[in-house]
Amino acid sequence: MEIKELIKESTIKLELDAKDKNSVLDEMIKLLVDDNIVTDKNKFKEDILERESLSNTGIGFGIAIPHAKSKAVKEPRIAIGIARNGIDYGSIDGQDIRMVFMIAVNEDQNDLHLRALANISRKLMHEEFRESILNVKSKKEIIDIL
């Protein structure tokens, strides 16, 4: 499965309302629940928080990649949220996040979640790529860039 198959306009939000890490996670999970990707929002959040407890997924450069393998996930998806004004996420570099890529995969899809993580991380290392994502005007533009 290609990364682009994991990204749909229905799970992209161009302007997050969240003001802190917890509400970012809730808002991103809601995108997945509303699109019928996550069947149990509480179980999925528990799995996301368990992963966060190992190390913060705010990886620096204004990016957070919360992710979990969970029984609550029906099909793999990457939800994307943009926060142009920045949100305090407790990132490893101390910077506010401006982009969230939430990776949701089922428990059986271990390699898929690692491939998705590696693929996104590689792209996000490039400042030009990050800027182009932050400057999109439409959800389709994000899909085209990725």
Protein backbone atom coordinates (compact mmCIF):
# COMPACT_ATOMS: atom_id res chain seq x y z
CA MET A 1 0.00 0.00 0.00
CA GLU A 2 1.29 3.41 -1.02
CA ILE A 3 1.39 6.36 1.37
CA LYS A 4 -0.88 8.36 -0.93
CA GLU A 5 -3.56 5.69 -0.50
CA LEU A 6 -3.54 6.43 3.24
CA ILE A 7 -4.41 10.10 2.82
CA LYS A 8 -7.94 11.29 2.02
CA GLU A 9 -9.43 14.79 1.98
CA SER A 10 -12.01 13.66 4.55
CA THR A 11 -9.28 13.30 7.19
CA ILE A 12 -7.44 16.56 6.52
CA LYS A 13 -8.13 19.72 8.52
CA LEU A 14 -6.59 22.92 7.16
CA GLU A 15 -6.97 24.90 10.39
CA LEU A 16 -6.96 23.12 13.72
CA ASP A 17 -8.95 24.70 16.54
CA ALA A 18 -6.89 23.01 19.26
CA LYS A 19 -4.83 25.09 21.68
CA ASP A 20 -2.88 22.33 23.45
CA LYS A 21 -1.58 18.81 22.92
CA ASN A 22 -4.57 16.99 24.38
CA SER A 23 -7.08 18.90 22.28
CA VAL A 24 -4.89 18.37 19.17
CA LEU A 25 -5.06 14.62 19.74
CA ASP A 26 -8.84 14.77 20.31
CA GLU A 27 -9.40 16.86 17.20
CA MET A 28 -7.30 14.55 15.03
CA ILE A 29 -8.98 11.44 16.43
CA LYS A 30 -12.39 13.00 15.73
CA LEU A 31 -11.44 13.29 12.03
CA LEU A 32 -10.75 9.54 12.00
CA VAL A 33 -13.90 8.67 13.95
CA ASP A 34 -16.10 10.88 11.74
CA ASP A 35 -14.71 9.15 8.64
CA ASN A 36 -15.42 5.72 10.13
CA ILE A 37 -11.72 4.78 10.30
CA VAL A 38 -11.58 4.53 14.09
CA THR A 39 -14.39 2.53 15.71
CA ASP A 40 -13.60 3.28 19.37
CA LYS A 41 -12.33 6.77 20.04
CA ASN A 42 -11.40 6.10 23.68
CA LYS A 43 -9.44 2.93 22.89
CA PHE A 44 -7.59 4.65 20.06
CA LYS A 45 -6.74 7.66 22.24
CA GLU A 46 -5.48 5.30 24.93
CA ASP A 47 -3.20 3.65 22.33
CA ILE A 48 -1.99 7.04 21.07
CA LEU A 49 -1.24 8.20 24.65
CA GLU A 50 0.55 4.94 25.41
CA ARG A 51 2.84 5.60 22.44
CA GLU A 52 3.31 9.24 23.57
CA SER A 53 4.38 8.02 27.00
CA LEU A 54 7.40 6.31 25.38
CA SER A 55 8.58 9.54 23.77
CA ASN A 56 6.93 12.73 22.56
CA THR A 57 5.93 12.51 18.90
CA GLY A 58 6.57 16.25 18.50
CA ILE A 59 9.71 15.55 16.45
CA GLY A 60 10.82 19.13 15.95
CA PHE A 61 10.58 21.48 12.94
CA GLY A 62 6.99 22.27 13.97
CA ILE A 63 5.86 18.69 13.29
CA ALA A 64 4.05 16.09 15.37
CA ILE A 65 3.49 12.52 14.20
CA PRO A 66 1.30 10.85 16.81
CA HIS A 67 0.73 7.24 15.85
CA ALA A 68 -0.67 4.00 17.14
CA LYS A 69 -1.39 0.44 16.18
CA SER A 70 -4.83 -0.23 17.57
CA LYS A 71 -7.71 -2.70 17.52
CA ALA A 72 -9.93 0.38 17.17
CA VAL A 73 -8.64 1.08 13.63
CA LYS A 74 -10.71 -0.35 10.78
CA GLU A 75 -8.40 0.59 7.94
CA PRO A 76 -5.06 2.41 7.81
CA ARG A 77 -5.17 6.18 7.41
CA ILE A 78 -3.02 9.23 7.94
CA ALA A 79 -5.00 12.21 9.24
CA ILE A 80 -3.40 15.61 8.67
CA GLY A 81 -3.95 18.81 10.59
CA ILE A 82 -2.44 22.26 10.07
CA ALA A 83 -2.04 24.84 12.84
CA ARG A 84 -0.59 27.92 11.20
CA ASN A 85 -0.40 29.77 14.53
CA GLY A 86 1.35 26.93 16.30
CA ILE A 87 0.32 24.80 19.29
CA ASP A 88 2.41 23.91 22.32
CA TYR A 89 2.89 20.15 22.05
CA GLY A 90 5.89 19.74 24.32
CA SER A 91 8.03 18.92 21.29
CA ILE A 92 11.61 17.75 21.70
CA ASP A 93 12.95 21.04 20.31
CA GLY A 94 10.63 23.20 22.42
CA GLN A 95 8.97 24.67 19.32
CA ASP A 96 5.22 24.87 18.77
CA ILE A 97 3.85 22.43 16.22
CA ARG A 98 2.24 23.65 13.01
CA MET A 99 1.58 20.30 11.33
CA VAL A 100 0.17 17.04 12.68
CA PHE A 101 0.29 13.73 10.85
CA MET A 102 -1.65 11.15 12.86
CA ILE A 103 -0.96 7.61 11.68
CA ALA A 104 -3.66 5.08 12.49
CA VAL A 105 -3.10 1.43 11.64
CA ASN A 106 -4.58 -1.84 12.80
CA GLU A 107 -2.54 -4.07 15.10
CA ASP A 108 -1.70 -6.41 12.22
CA GLN A 109 -0.12 -3.68 10.09
CA ASN A 110 3.19 -3.20 11.84
CA ASP A 111 5.36 -2.77 8.77
CA LEU A 112 2.85 -0.38 7.20
CA HIS A 113 2.96 2.01 10.14
CA LEU A 114 6.77 1.97 10.15
CA ARG A 115 6.91 2.58 6.38
CA ALA A 116 4.42 5.45 6.67
CA LEU A 117 6.41 6.98 9.52
CA ALA A 118 9.71 6.72 7.64
CA ASN A 119 8.23 8.08 4.43
CA ILE A 120 6.63 11.12 6.07
CA SER A 121 9.66 11.83 8.25
CA ARG A 122 11.97 11.80 5.22
CA LYS A 123 9.84 14.31 3.34
CA LEU A 124 9.38 16.57 6.36
CA MET A 125 13.12 16.99 6.85
CA HIS A 126 13.07 19.35 3.86
CA GLU A 127 12.15 22.91 4.77
CA GLU A 128 10.75 23.57 1.29
CA PHE A 129 8.37 20.62 1.69
CA ARG A 130 7.22 21.82 5.14
CA GLU A 131 6.63 25.34 3.83
CA SER A 132 4.63 24.07 0.87
CA ILE A 133 2.34 22.11 3.22
CA LEU A 134 1.84 25.13 5.49
CA ASN A 135 0.94 27.33 2.53
CA VAL A 136 -1.73 25.14 0.96
CA LYS A 137 -5.13 26.61 0.23
CA SER A 138 -6.99 23.31 -0.21
CA LYS A 139 -7.03 19.72 0.97
CA LYS A 140 -6.42 18.54 -2.58
CA GLU A 141 -3.19 20.58 -2.64
CA ILE A 142 -1.90 18.64 0.38
CA ILE A 143 -2.64 15.35 -1.36
CA ASP A 144 -0.89 16.56 -4.51
CA ILE A 145 2.20 17.66 -2.54
CA LEU A 146 2.43 14.33 -0.75
